[in-house]
C-alpha cells in the first residue's frame, strides 16, 4: 500500500537543500533523460582540416565528410531504501521543545523528508563521483552488491592521463617555473583550451612552493571568481586565483565508502586540467518501476507499507550516468 502519491514525494524532494556537487556544476551542466534502458549519444568528429588550394578557374573539389559516431552506454541503477522507524515517530525530534509539541503524524512526515534528503545527497554524491571518474580516467567502473563489475569507457586518449616521474614531479622545485611549462603542455594535449585547474590540497601545496607560481598568482590577487558555489559546497571549494589564463581551484569534496572510509573526489597530489568545452551531460535512463510508468527522470521517490509486520519503507530510484561529450577536453595528472 502506497501512502504518498508520487507528486507529493517529488514536491518534498524539490524543496530539499541537496549536496551541491562542484565538478557537476562546472563541467556537467546539461541534462538528458531517456525513457530507454540504454543511452545513445551521437559524437561528431572535429574537422580540423585545411581548405585545399585550387585555381579560381577550376571547379571546387568535393571533400569527404568526417562523419560522426554513435555510442551506446548503459547507466547503473541506484535505489537507496530506508525504513521509517516507528520508535522515532513517538520520540521528540532534535530541536523540538522538551515534552514534545508535534504529533506522531507530523514527526512521521518530517522523518520521511529526512530520508528523502539523505537519498538525494547519496545520489548526488554518486553523480559527483561519476563526474570525477570521467575527468580523472575517461571511464567509469561501477560495481556493487549483486551487481557485476562493468566498465563504461568513454575512449579518452591514453596521453590525457599523466603520471609525473623523476625530475618532473612537483616535489622537485629546482626549476621555479617548471609547473608553468607543464601546464602549457597539458593545454596542448587537451582537445579544447584548458580553462580550469582543479586540484586537491596536496597538489596545491606542491604547486605554490614554486616561486614562479607565487609571483604569477600574487600579481593577480585582484581577480574574483564568477562561479556560483552552493551553500553546502563553499567550504569544500577554494578559489586560489588566475595562473596565466587558468582559474585555479582546490576541491576538498569527499565521500565515504561502504566501510565508512573517507575518500576525496580528487585523489592526493592530483590535478584535473579541464576545459569548459568538456560539455558534460547528466544523463538518466528509464526508471524500471511500473509506478513511474517506466519514464525517464533524474529521481523517482516512492513509499509503501508492508502489512505484516507493519513497516513503512521509503525508496528513491535513479539510473544516472555522467557523460563527457568531449572526453579529451580534460587531462588528469598525478604530480607527486
C-alpha atoms as a PDB file:
ATOM      1  CA  UNK A   1       0.000   0.000   0.000  1.00  0.00           C
ATOM      2  CA  UNK A   2       1.472   3.357  -1.023  1.00  0.00           C
ATOM      3  CA  UNK A   3       0.941   6.247   1.418  1.00  0.00           C
ATOM      4  CA  UNK A   4       2.056   9.305  -0.540  1.00  0.00           C
ATOM      5  CA  UNK A   5       1.380   9.737  -4.224  1.00  0.00           C
ATOM      6  CA  UNK A   6       4.357  10.444  -6.468  1.00  0.00           C
ATOM      7  CA  UNK A   7       3.534  14.126  -6.875  1.00  0.00           C
ATOM      8  CA  UNK A   8       3.670  14.717  -3.108  1.00  0.00           C
ATOM      9  CA  UNK A   9       7.041  12.998  -2.743  1.00  0.00           C
ATOM     10  CA  UNK A  10       8.523  14.840  -5.708  1.00  0.00           C
ATOM     11  CA  UNK A  11       7.429  18.132  -4.175  1.00  0.00           C
ATOM     12  CA  UNK A  12       9.228  17.201  -0.959  1.00  0.00           C
ATOM     13  CA  UNK A  13      12.398  16.306  -2.876  1.00  0.00           C
ATOM     14  CA  UNK A  14      12.352  19.587  -4.832  1.00  0.00           C
ATOM     15  CA  UNK A  15      12.061  21.540  -1.612  1.00  0.00           C
ATOM     16  CA  UNK A  16      15.143  19.969  -0.026  1.00  0.00           C
ATOM     17  CA  UNK A  17      18.590  21.545   0.049  1.00  0.00           C
ATOM     18  CA  UNK A  18      20.768  18.829  -1.529  1.00  0.00           C
ATOM     19  CA  UNK A  19      24.523  18.358  -1.553  1.00  0.00           C
ATOM     20  CA  UNK A  20      25.969  20.749  -4.160  1.00  0.00           C
ATOM     21  CA  UNK A  21      28.476  18.954  -6.402  1.00  0.00           C
ATOM     22  CA  UNK A  22      31.307  21.177  -7.653  1.00  0.00           C
ATOM     23  CA  UNK A  23      32.511  19.122 -10.636  1.00  0.00           C
ATOM     24  CA  UNK A  24      28.979  18.538 -11.890  1.00  0.00           C
ATOM     25  CA  UNK A  25      28.107  22.209 -11.651  1.00  0.00           C
ATOM     26  CA  UNK A  26      31.259  23.239 -13.511  1.00  0.00           C
ATOM     27  CA  UNK A  27      31.574  20.646 -16.278  1.00  0.00           C
ATOM     28  CA  UNK A  28      28.291  18.692 -16.489  1.00  0.00           C
ATOM     29  CA  UNK A  29      25.699  21.415 -16.912  1.00  0.00           C
ATOM     30  CA  UNK A  30      23.367  19.739 -19.403  1.00  0.00           C
ATOM     31  CA  UNK A  31      20.746  17.115 -18.616  1.00  0.00           C
ATOM     32  CA  UNK A  32      19.366  14.343 -20.799  1.00  0.00           C
ATOM     33  CA  UNK A  33      16.697  11.886 -19.642  1.00  0.00           C
ATOM     34  CA  UNK A  34      15.941   8.862 -21.804  1.00  0.00           C
ATOM     35  CA  UNK A  35      12.966   6.520 -21.492  1.00  0.00           C
ATOM     36  CA  UNK A  36      15.212   3.686 -22.641  1.00  0.00           C
ATOM     37  CA  UNK A  37      17.408   1.375 -20.595  1.00  0.00           C
ATOM     38  CA  UNK A  38      20.432   2.343 -22.693  1.00  0.00           C
ATOM     39  CA  UNK A  39      21.582   5.817 -23.706  1.00  0.00           C
ATOM     40  CA  UNK A  40      22.661   6.686 -27.266  1.00  0.00           C
ATOM     41  CA  UNK A  41      24.885   9.691 -27.966  1.00  0.00           C
ATOM     42  CA  UNK A  42      25.970  10.985 -31.362  1.00  0.00           C
ATOM     43  CA  UNK A  43      29.547  12.272 -31.245  1.00  0.00           C
ATOM     44  CA  UNK A  44      30.583  14.382 -34.233  1.00  0.00           C
ATOM     45  CA  UNK A  45      34.290  14.275 -35.041  1.00  0.00           C
ATOM     46  CA  UNK A  46      36.121  17.608 -35.047  1.00  0.00           C
ATOM     47  CA  UNK A  47      37.109  18.705 -38.554  1.00  0.00           C
ATOM     48  CA  UNK A  48      40.496  20.431 -38.278  1.00  0.00           C
ATOM     49  CA  UNK A  49      41.489  20.050 -41.937  1.00  0.00           C
ATOM     50  CA  UNK A  50      42.781  22.922 -44.034  1.00  0.00           C
ATOM     51  CA  UNK A  51      40.728  24.038 -47.002  1.00  0.00           C
ATOM     52  CA  UNK A  52      42.657  22.954 -50.133  1.00  0.00           C
ATOM     53  CA  UNK A  53      44.228  25.466 -52.523  1.00  0.00           C
ATOM     54  CA  UNK A  54      42.760  25.465 -56.044  1.00  0.00           C
ATOM     55  CA  UNK A  55      42.847  27.708 -59.061  1.00  0.00           C
ATOM     56  CA  UNK A  56      39.906  30.145 -59.264  1.00  0.00           C
ATOM     57  CA  UNK A  57      39.286  28.762 -62.745  1.00  0.00           C
ATOM     58  CA  UNK A  58      38.973  25.137 -61.517  1.00  0.00           C
ATOM     59  CA  UNK A  59      35.755  23.656 -60.191  1.00  0.00           C
ATOM     60  CA  UNK A  60      35.639  23.060 -56.451  1.00  0.00           C
ATOM     61  CA  UNK A  61      36.515  19.541 -55.312  1.00  0.00           C
ATOM     62  CA  UNK A  62      34.151  17.606 -53.100  1.00  0.00           C
ATOM     63  CA  UNK A  63      35.680  16.698 -49.715  1.00  0.00           C
ATOM     64  CA  UNK A  64      34.745  13.526 -47.876  1.00  0.00           C
ATOM     65  CA  UNK A  65      32.741  14.191 -44.709  1.00  0.00           C
ATOM     66  CA  UNK A  66      34.402  13.365 -41.407  1.00  0.00           C
ATOM     67  CA  UNK A  67      31.098  11.969 -40.168  1.00  0.00           C
ATOM     68  CA  UNK A  68      30.411  11.004 -36.556  1.00  0.00           C
ATOM     69  CA  UNK A  69      29.948   8.111 -34.213  1.00  0.00           C
ATOM     70  CA  UNK A  70      27.051   6.854 -32.117  1.00  0.00           C
ATOM     71  CA  UNK A  71      27.997   5.386 -28.766  1.00  0.00           C
ATOM     72  CA  UNK A  72      25.663   3.449 -26.509  1.00  0.00           C
ATOM     73  CA  UNK A  73      26.004   3.495 -22.735  1.00  0.00           C
ATOM     74  CA  UNK A  74      24.016   1.638 -20.109  1.00  0.00           C
ATOM     75  CA  UNK A  75      23.708   3.527 -16.807  1.00  0.00           C
ATOM     76  CA  UNK A  76      23.967   1.822 -13.460  1.00  0.00           C
ATOM     77  CA  UNK A  77      20.889   1.712 -11.226  1.00  0.00           C
ATOM     78  CA  UNK A  78      20.567   3.273  -7.771  1.00  0.00           C
ATOM     79  CA  UNK A  79      17.803   2.580  -5.260  1.00  0.00           C
ATOM     80  CA  UNK A  80      18.632   3.654  -1.684  1.00  0.00           C
ATOM     81  CA  UNK A  81      15.928   2.429   0.705  1.00  0.00           C
ATOM     82  CA  UNK A  82      15.176   3.208   4.356  1.00  0.00           C
ATOM     83  CA  UNK A  83      12.566   2.125   6.870  1.00  0.00           C
ATOM     84  CA  UNK A  84      10.504   4.683   8.772  1.00  0.00           C
ATOM     85  CA  UNK A  85      11.378   3.594  12.306  1.00  0.00           C
ATOM     86  CA  UNK A  86       8.121   3.552  14.352  1.00  0.00           C
ATOM     87  CA  UNK A  87      10.077   4.402  17.513  1.00  0.00           C
ATOM     88  CA  UNK A  88      11.229   7.701  16.012  1.00  0.00           C
ATOM     89  CA  UNK A  89       7.615   8.739  15.420  1.00  0.00           C
ATOM     90  CA  UNK A  90       6.997   8.647  19.179  1.00  0.00           C
ATOM     91  CA  UNK A  91      10.236  10.338  20.256  1.00  0.00           C
ATOM     92  CA  UNK A  92      10.932  14.072  20.451  1.00  0.00           C
ATOM     93  CA  UNK A  93      12.853  15.275  17.415  1.00  0.00           C
ATOM     94  CA  UNK A  94      16.069  17.324  17.744  1.00  0.00           C
ATOM     95  CA  UNK A  95      15.093  20.961  18.295  1.00  0.00           C
ATOM     96  CA  UNK A  96      11.571  20.079  19.431  1.00  0.00           C
ATOM     97  CA  UNK A  97      10.714  21.563  22.877  1.00  0.00           C
ATOM     98  CA  UNK A  98      11.093  19.294  25.904  1.00  0.00           C
ATOM     99  CA  UNK A  99       7.995  17.160  26.246  1.00  0.00           C
ATOM    100  CA  UNK A 100       7.330  17.358  22.527  1.00  0.00           C
ATOM    101  CA  UNK A 101       4.883  19.575  20.647  1.00  0.00           C
ATOM    102  CA  UNK A 102       4.498  17.609  17.392  1.00  0.00           C
ATOM    103  CA  UNK A 103       2.016  14.847  16.747  1.00  0.00           C
ATOM    104  CA  UNK A 104       3.252  11.398  15.659  1.00  0.00           C
ATOM    105  CA  UNK A 105       1.990  12.150  12.139  1.00  0.00           C
ATOM    106  CA  UNK A 106       3.950  15.414  11.995  1.00  0.00           C
ATOM    107  CA  UNK A 107       7.085  13.593  13.111  1.00  0.00           C
ATOM    108  CA  UNK A 108       6.454  10.844  10.552  1.00  0.00           C
ATOM    109  CA  UNK A 109       6.294  13.378   7.724  1.00  0.00           C
ATOM    110  CA  UNK A 110       9.470  15.048   8.982  1.00  0.00           C
ATOM    111  CA  UNK A 111      11.227  11.661   9.145  1.00  0.00           C
ATOM    112  CA  UNK A 112      10.243  10.918   5.543  1.00  0.00           C
ATOM    113  CA  UNK A 113      11.614  14.302   4.491  1.00  0.00           C
ATOM    114  CA  UNK A 114      14.885  13.458   6.297  1.00  0.00           C
ATOM    115  CA  UNK A 115      15.085  10.119   4.489  1.00  0.00           C
ATOM    116  CA  UNK A 116      14.461  11.713   1.084  1.00  0.00           C
ATOM    117  CA  UNK A 117      17.106  14.336   1.850  1.00  0.00           C
ATOM    118  CA  UNK A 118      19.581  11.555   2.685  1.00  0.00           C
ATOM    119  CA  UNK A 119      18.719   9.650  -0.502  1.00  0.00           C
ATOM    120  CA  UNK A 120      19.162  12.700  -2.688  1.00  0.00           C
ATOM    121  CA  UNK A 121      22.527  13.530  -1.161  1.00  0.00           C
ATOM    122  CA  UNK A 122      23.682   9.940  -1.680  1.00  0.00           C
ATOM    123  CA  UNK A 123      22.599  10.040  -5.322  1.00  0.00           C
ATOM    124  CA  UNK A 124      24.173  13.456  -5.866  1.00  0.00           C
ATOM    125  CA  UNK A 125      27.452  12.227  -4.393  1.00  0.00           C
ATOM    126  CA  UNK A 126      27.318   9.218  -6.709  1.00  0.00           C
ATOM    127  CA  UNK A 127      26.808  11.564  -9.676  1.00  0.00           C
ATOM    128  CA  UNK A 128      29.748  13.679  -8.489  1.00  0.00           C
ATOM    129  CA  UNK A 129      31.854  10.511  -8.163  1.00  0.00           C
ATOM    130  CA  UNK A 130      30.953   9.534 -11.732  1.00  0.00           C
ATOM    131  CA  UNK A 131      31.865  13.011 -12.980  1.00  0.00           C
ATOM    132  CA  UNK A 132      35.195  12.826 -11.139  1.00  0.00           C
ATOM    133  CA  UNK A 133      35.987   9.393 -12.589  1.00  0.00           C
ATOM    134  CA  UNK A 134      35.166  10.559 -16.123  1.00  0.00           C
ATOM    135  CA  UNK A 135      37.512  13.546 -15.720  1.00  0.00           C
ATOM    136  CA  UNK A 136      40.252  11.553 -13.981  1.00  0.00           C
ATOM    137  CA  UNK A 137      40.339   8.403 -16.117  1.00  0.00           C
ATOM    138  CA  UNK A 138      37.991   8.860 -19.071  1.00  0.00           C
ATOM    139  CA  UNK A 139      35.924   5.923 -17.869  1.00  0.00           C
ATOM    140  CA  UNK A 140      33.594   4.869 -15.058  1.00  0.00           C
ATOM    141  CA  UNK A 141      33.800   1.441 -13.419  1.00  0.00           C
ATOM    142  CA  UNK A 142      30.656   0.504 -11.490  1.00  0.00           C
ATOM    143  CA  UNK A 143      30.211  -2.463  -9.176  1.00  0.00           C
ATOM    144  CA  UNK A 144      28.227  -3.330  -6.095  1.00  0.00           C
ATOM    145  CA  UNK A 145      26.413  -5.984  -4.135  1.00  0.00           C
ATOM    146  CA  UNK A 146      24.588  -8.284  -6.593  1.00  0.00           C
ATOM    147  CA  UNK A 147      25.882  -6.049  -9.415  1.00  0.00           C
ATOM    148  CA  UNK A 148      28.704  -7.448 -11.578  1.00  0.00           C
ATOM    149  CA  UNK A 149      31.527  -5.032 -12.298  1.00  0.00           C
ATOM    150  CA  UNK A 150      31.059  -3.102 -15.524  1.00  0.00           C
ATOM    151  CA  UNK A 151      33.248  -0.527 -17.201  1.00  0.00           C
ATOM    152  CA  UNK A 152      31.898   2.393 -19.198  1.00  0.00           C
ATOM    153  CA  UNK A 153      34.826   3.571 -21.339  1.00  0.00           C
ATOM    154  CA  UNK A 154      34.437   6.990 -22.959  1.00  0.00           C
ATOM    155  CA  UNK A 155      37.600   6.284 -25.001  1.00  0.00           C
ATOM    156  CA  UNK A 156      39.754   9.156 -23.843  1.00  0.00           C
ATOM    157  CA  UNK A 157      43.244   9.305 -25.348  1.00  0.00           C
ATOM    158  CA  UNK A 158      45.776   7.473 -23.175  1.00  0.00           C
ATOM    159  CA  UNK A 159      48.028  10.551 -23.264  1.00  0.00           C
ATOM    160  CA  UNK A 160      45.419  12.545 -21.309  1.00  0.00           C
ATOM    161  CA  UNK A 161      46.212  10.556 -18.155  1.00  0.00           C
ATOM    162  CA  UNK A 162      49.679  11.554 -16.929  1.00  0.00           C
ATOM    163  CA  UNK A 163      51.830  10.421 -14.002  1.00  0.00           C
ATOM    164  CA  UNK A 164      54.850  12.667 -13.495  1.00  0.00           C
ATOM    165  CA  UNK A 165      58.116  10.961 -12.624  1.00  0.00           C
ATOM    166  CA  UNK A 166      61.770  11.695 -11.983  1.00  0.00           C
ATOM    167  CA  UNK A 167      62.698  15.360 -12.159  1.00  0.00           C
ATOM    168  CA  UNK A 168      59.240  16.275 -13.456  1.00  0.00           C
ATOM    169  CA  UNK A 169      57.449  15.735 -10.129  1.00  0.00           C
ATOM    170  CA  UNK A 170      56.393  18.794  -8.176  1.00  0.00           C
ATOM    171  CA  UNK A 171      58.336  17.764  -5.093  1.00  0.00           C
ATOM    172  CA  UNK A 172      61.427  18.864  -7.059  1.00  0.00           C
ATOM    173  CA  UNK A 173      61.368  22.675  -7.013  1.00  0.00           C
ATOM    174  CA  UNK A 174      64.764  23.230  -8.664  1.00  0.00           C
ATOM    175  CA  UNK A 175      63.177  24.943 -11.668  1.00  0.00           C
ATOM    176  CA  UNK A 176      60.899  27.710 -10.306  1.00  0.00           C
ATOM    177  CA  UNK A 177      58.816  27.778 -13.494  1.00  0.00           C
ATOM    178  CA  UNK A 178      58.540  24.030 -14.138  1.00  0.00           C
ATOM    179  CA  UNK A 179      54.775  23.700 -13.444  1.00  0.00           C
ATOM    180  CA  UNK A 180      54.001  26.606 -15.763  1.00  0.00           C
ATOM    181  CA  UNK A 181      55.675  24.889 -18.708  1.00  0.00           C
ATOM    182  CA  UNK A 182      53.976  21.583 -17.830  1.00  0.00           C
ATOM    183  CA  UNK A 183      50.534  23.182 -17.668  1.00  0.00           C
ATOM    184  CA  UNK A 184      51.056  24.686 -21.112  1.00  0.00           C
ATOM    185  CA  UNK A 185      51.911  21.195 -22.388  1.00  0.00           C
ATOM    186  CA  UNK A 186      48.697  19.836 -20.855  1.00  0.00           C
ATOM    187  CA  UNK A 187      46.802  22.620 -22.596  1.00  0.00           C
ATOM    188  CA  UNK A 188      48.323  21.495 -25.898  1.00  0.00           C
ATOM    189  CA  UNK A 189      47.384  17.874 -25.124  1.00  0.00           C
ATOM    190  CA  UNK A 190      43.718  18.671 -24.480  1.00  0.00           C
ATOM    191  CA  UNK A 191      41.160  18.761 -27.281  1.00  0.00           C
ATOM    192  CA  UNK A 192      39.990  22.232 -26.240  1.00  0.00           C
ATOM    193  CA  UNK A 193      41.765  25.118 -24.457  1.00  0.00           C
ATOM    194  CA  UNK A 194      42.067  24.474 -20.723  1.00  0.00           C
ATOM    195  CA  UNK A 195      40.072  26.925 -18.599  1.00  0.00           C
ATOM    196  CA  UNK A 196      40.389  25.482 -15.084  1.00  0.00           C
ATOM    197  CA  UNK A 197      42.890  23.656 -12.892  1.00  0.00           C
ATOM    198  CA  UNK A 198      41.152  21.733 -10.115  1.00  0.00           C
ATOM    199  CA  UNK A 199      43.369  20.020  -7.562  1.00  0.00           C
ATOM    200  CA  UNK A 200      43.449  18.565  -4.069  1.00  0.00           C
ATOM    201  CA  UNK A 201      45.136  20.430  -1.217  1.00  0.00           C
ATOM    202  CA  UNK A 202      48.279  18.283  -1.559  1.00  0.00           C
ATOM    203  CA  UNK A 203      48.816  19.266  -5.184  1.00  0.00           C
ATOM    204  CA  UNK A 204      48.130  22.910  -4.315  1.00  0.00           C
ATOM    205  CA  UNK A 205      50.757  22.852  -1.554  1.00  0.00           C
ATOM    206  CA  UNK A 206      53.311  21.481  -4.019  1.00  0.00           C
ATOM    207  CA  UNK A 207      52.336  23.968  -6.740  1.00  0.00           C
ATOM    208  CA  UNK A 208      52.522  27.009  -4.501  1.00  0.00           C
ATOM    209  CA  UNK A 209      56.046  26.062  -3.395  1.00  0.00           C
ATOM    210  CA  UNK A 210      57.339  27.160  -6.826  1.00  0.00           C
ATOM    211  CA  UNK A 211      58.462  30.783  -6.815  1.00  0.00           C
ATOM    212  CA  UNK A 212      57.357  31.323 -10.415  1.00  0.00           C
ATOM    213  CA  UNK A 213      53.832  30.286  -9.458  1.00  0.00           C
ATOM    214  CA  UNK A 214      53.818  32.544  -6.381  1.00  0.00           C
ATOM    215  CA  UNK A 215      54.931  35.515  -8.433  1.00  0.00           C
ATOM    216  CA  UNK A 216      52.250  34.987 -11.059  1.00  0.00           C
ATOM    217  CA  UNK A 217      49.434  34.441  -8.574  1.00  0.00           C
ATOM    218  CA  UNK A 218      50.421  37.338  -6.319  1.00  0.00           C
ATOM    219  CA  UNK A 219      50.323  39.724  -9.284  1.00  0.00           C
ATOM    220  CA  UNK A 220      46.691  38.753  -9.963  1.00  0.00           C
ATOM    221  CA  UNK A 221      45.170  38.819  -6.482  1.00  0.00           C
ATOM    222  CA  UNK A 222      42.508  41.256  -7.662  1.00  0.00           C
ATOM    223  CA  UNK A 223      40.827  38.545  -9.719  1.00  0.00           C
ATOM    224  CA  UNK A 224      37.499  37.265  -8.487  1.00  0.00           C
ATOM    225  CA  UNK A 225      35.643  34.008  -9.083  1.00  0.00           C
ATOM    226  CA  UNK A 226      32.437  34.260 -11.078  1.00  0.00           C
ATOM    227  CA  UNK A 227      31.370  30.689 -10.322  1.00  0.00           C
ATOM    228  CA  UNK A 228      28.293  30.303  -8.132  1.00  0.00           C
ATOM    229  CA  UNK A 229      29.000  27.975  -5.215  1.00  0.00           C
ATOM    230  CA  UNK A 230      26.238  26.100  -3.404  1.00  0.00           C
ATOM    231  CA  UNK A 231      25.650  26.706   0.306  1.00  0.00           C
ATOM    232  CA  UNK A 232      26.941  23.287   1.376  1.00  0.00           C
ATOM    233  CA  UNK A 233      29.811  23.321  -1.076  1.00  0.00           C
ATOM    234  CA  UNK A 234      31.599  26.584  -0.447  1.00  0.00           C
ATOM    235  CA  UNK A 235      33.734  25.368   2.453  1.00  0.00           C
ATOM    236  CA  UNK A 236      34.996  22.496   0.286  1.00  0.00           C
ATOM    237  CA  UNK A 237      35.996  24.714  -2.662  1.00  0.00           C
ATOM    238  CA  UNK A 238      38.679  27.381  -2.539  1.00  0.00           C
ATOM    239  CA  UNK A 239      39.344  29.732  -5.434  1.00  0.00           C
ATOM    240  CA  UNK A 240      43.072  30.483  -5.487  1.00  0.00           C
ATOM    241  CA  UNK A 241      43.318  32.919  -8.399  1.00  0.00           C
ATOM    242  CA  UNK A 242      44.410  33.113 -12.019  1.00  0.00           C
ATOM    243  CA  UNK A 243      47.563  31.321 -13.133  1.00  0.00           C
ATOM    244  CA  UNK A 244      48.310  32.682 -16.574  1.00  0.00           C
ATOM    245  CA  UNK A 245      44.896  32.251 -18.198  1.00  0.00           C
ATOM    246  CA  UNK A 246      43.763  29.364 -15.968  1.00  0.00           C
ATOM    247  CA  UNK A 247      41.485  29.560 -12.941  1.00  0.00           C
ATOM    248  CA  UNK A 248      42.897  27.584 -10.022  1.00  0.00           C
ATOM    249  CA  UNK A 249      40.661  25.715  -7.551  1.00  0.00           C
ATOM    250  CA  UNK A 250      41.309  23.491  -4.555  1.00  0.00           C
ATOM    251  CA  UNK A 251      38.497  20.981  -4.098  1.00  0.00           C
ATOM    252  CA  UNK A 252      38.186  19.047  -0.844  1.00  0.00           C
ATOM    253  CA  UNK A 253      34.834  17.376  -1.512  1.00  0.00           C
ATOM    254  CA  UNK A 254      34.650  13.801  -0.272  1.00  0.00           C
ATOM    255  CA  UNK A 255      32.500  10.716   0.103  1.00  0.00           C
ATOM    256  CA  UNK A 256      32.521   7.612   2.311  1.00  0.00           C
ATOM    257  CA  UNK A 257      32.594   4.046   1.038  1.00  0.00           C
ATOM    258  CA  UNK A 258      30.635   1.076   2.369  1.00  0.00           C
ATOM    259  CA  UNK A 259      33.239   0.621   5.120  1.00  0.00           C
ATOM    260  CA  UNK A 260      32.737   4.256   6.206  1.00  0.00           C
ATOM    261  CA  UNK A 261      36.215   5.193   4.947  1.00  0.00           C
ATOM    262  CA  UNK A 262      36.575   8.756   3.692  1.00  0.00           C
ATOM    263  CA  UNK A 263      37.860   9.400   0.143  1.00  0.00           C
ATOM    264  CA  UNK A 264      38.336  12.704  -1.675  1.00  0.00           C
ATOM    265  CA  UNK A 265      36.754  13.005  -5.117  1.00  0.00           C
ATOM    266  CA  UNK A 266      40.168  14.217  -6.310  1.00  0.00           C
ATOM    267  CA  UNK A 267      42.947  11.882  -5.076  1.00  0.00           C
ATOM    268  CA  UNK A 268      46.075  13.075  -3.281  1.00  0.00           C
ATOM    269  CA  UNK A 269      48.535  15.099  -5.400  1.00  0.00           C
ATOM    270  CA  UNK A 270      46.222  15.139  -8.417  1.00  0.00           C
ATOM    271  CA  UNK A 271      45.336  17.924 -10.853  1.00  0.00           C
ATOM    272  CA  UNK A 272      42.454  17.933 -13.313  1.00  0.00           C
ATOM    273  CA  UNK A 273      43.180  20.339 -16.155  1.00  0.00           C
ATOM    274  CA  UNK A 274      39.897  20.741 -17.978  1.00  0.00           C
ATOM    275  CA  UNK A 275      38.053  22.935 -20.424  1.00  0.00           C
ATOM    276  CA  UNK A 276      34.504  24.177 -20.064  1.00  0.00           C
ATOM    277  CA  UNK A 277      34.131  22.561 -23.501  1.00  0.00           C
ATOM    278  CA  UNK A 278      34.008  19.126 -21.843  1.00  0.00           C
ATOM    279  CA  UNK A 279      30.293  19.761 -22.380  1.00  0.00           C
ATOM    280  CA  UNK A 280      29.321  17.095 -19.858  1.00  0.00           C
ATOM    281  CA  UNK A 281      25.793  15.704 -19.717  1.00  0.00           C
ATOM    282  CA  UNK A 282      23.915  14.420 -16.679  1.00  0.00           C
ATOM    283  CA  UNK A 283      22.160  11.528 -18.373  1.00  0.00           C
ATOM    284  CA  UNK A 284      19.483   9.351 -16.791  1.00  0.00           C
ATOM    285  CA  UNK A 285      17.895   6.180 -18.108  1.00  0.00           C
ATOM    286  CA  UNK A 286      14.347   4.980 -17.573  1.00  0.00           C
ATOM    287  CA  UNK A 287      13.106   4.191 -14.071  1.00  0.00           C
ATOM    288  CA  UNK A 288      12.339   0.471 -14.129  1.00  0.00           C
ATOM    289  CA  UNK A 289       9.239   0.691 -11.987  1.00  0.00           C
ATOM    290  CA  UNK A 290       5.581   0.466 -13.087  1.00  0.00           C
ATOM    291  CA  UNK A 291       4.713   3.174 -10.550  1.00  0.00           C
ATOM    292  CA  UNK A 292       6.965   5.507 -12.545  1.00  0.00           C
ATOM    293  CA  UNK A 293       5.419   4.399 -15.825  1.00  0.00           C
ATOM    294  CA  UNK A 294       8.929   3.380 -16.916  1.00  0.00           C
ATOM    295  CA  UNK A 295       9.559   7.028 -17.693  1.00  0.00           C
ATOM    296  CA  UNK A 296      12.845   8.905 -17.618  1.00  0.00           C
ATOM    297  CA  UNK A 297      13.511  11.169 -14.659  1.00  0.00           C
ATOM    298  CA  UNK A 298      16.517  12.049 -12.540  1.00  0.00           C
ATOM    299  CA  UNK A 299      14.976  10.591  -9.367  1.00  0.00           C
ATOM    300  CA  UNK A 300      11.798   8.710  -8.541  1.00  0.00           C
ATOM    301  CA  UNK A 301      10.834   8.538  -4.845  1.00  0.00           C
ATOM    302  CA  UNK A 302       8.141   6.192  -3.520  1.00  0.00           C
ATOM    303  CA  UNK A 303       6.898   4.884  -0.205  1.00  0.00           C
ATOM    304  CA  UNK A 304       4.751   1.916   0.809  1.00  0.00           C
ATOM    305  CA  UNK A 305       3.669  -0.169   3.800  1.00  0.00           C
ATOM    306  CA  UNK A 306       4.067  -3.892   4.298  1.00  0.00           C
ATOM    307  CA  UNK A 307       1.144  -5.018   6.439  1.00  0.00           C
ATOM    308  CA  UNK A 308       2.628  -7.919   8.413  1.00  0.00           C
ATOM    309  CA  UNK A 309       4.724  -6.788  10.112  1.00  0.00           C
ATOM    310  CA  UNK A 310       3.562  -3.187   9.588  1.00  0.00           C
ATOM    311  CA  UNK A 311       6.666  -1.486   8.165  1.00  0.00           C
ATOM    312  CA  UNK A 312       6.745   1.721   6.139  1.00  0.00           C
ATOM    313  CA  UNK A 313       9.572   1.995   3.628  1.00  0.00           C
ATOM    314  CA  UNK A 314      10.865   4.881   1.526  1.00  0.00           C
ATOM    315  CA  UNK A 315      12.973   4.369  -1.605  1.00  0.00           C
ATOM    316  CA  UNK A 316      14.417   6.643  -4.287  1.00  0.00           C
ATOM    317  CA  UNK A 317      15.386   5.257  -7.692  1.00  0.00           C
ATOM    318  CA  UNK A 318      17.741   6.721 -10.271  1.00  0.00           C
ATOM    319  CA  UNK A 319      19.671   5.472 -13.325  1.00  0.00           C
ATOM    320  CA  UNK A 320      22.444   8.074 -13.751  1.00  0.00           C
ATOM    321  CA  UNK A 321      25.482   8.262 -15.986  1.00  0.00           C
ATOM    322  CA  UNK A 322      27.654  11.361 -16.308  1.00  0.00           C
ATOM    323  CA  UNK A 323      28.873  11.590 -19.918  1.00  0.00           C
ATOM    324  CA  UNK A 324      31.697  13.925 -21.046  1.00  0.00           C
ATOM    325  CA  UNK A 325      30.718  14.748 -24.626  1.00  0.00           C
ATOM    326  CA  UNK A 326      34.302  15.927 -25.283  1.00  0.00           C
ATOM    327  CA  UNK A 327      36.196  13.456 -23.139  1.00  0.00           C
ATOM    328  CA  UNK A 328      39.588  14.633 -24.466  1.00  0.00           C
ATOM    329  CA  UNK A 329      38.940  18.174 -23.242  1.00  0.00           C
ATOM    330  CA  UNK A 330      40.310  17.125 -19.859  1.00  0.00           C
ATOM    331  CA  UNK A 331      43.739  15.944 -18.697  1.00  0.00           C
ATOM    332  CA  UNK A 332      44.376  14.293 -15.328  1.00  0.00           C
ATOM    333  CA  UNK A 333      47.845  14.452 -13.801  1.00  0.00           C
ATOM    334  CA  UNK A 334      49.432  12.871 -10.725  1.00  0.00           C
ATOM    335  CA  UNK A 335      52.058  15.447  -9.810  1.00  0.00           C
ATOM    336  CA  UNK A 336      53.863  13.915  -6.852  1.00  0.00           C
END
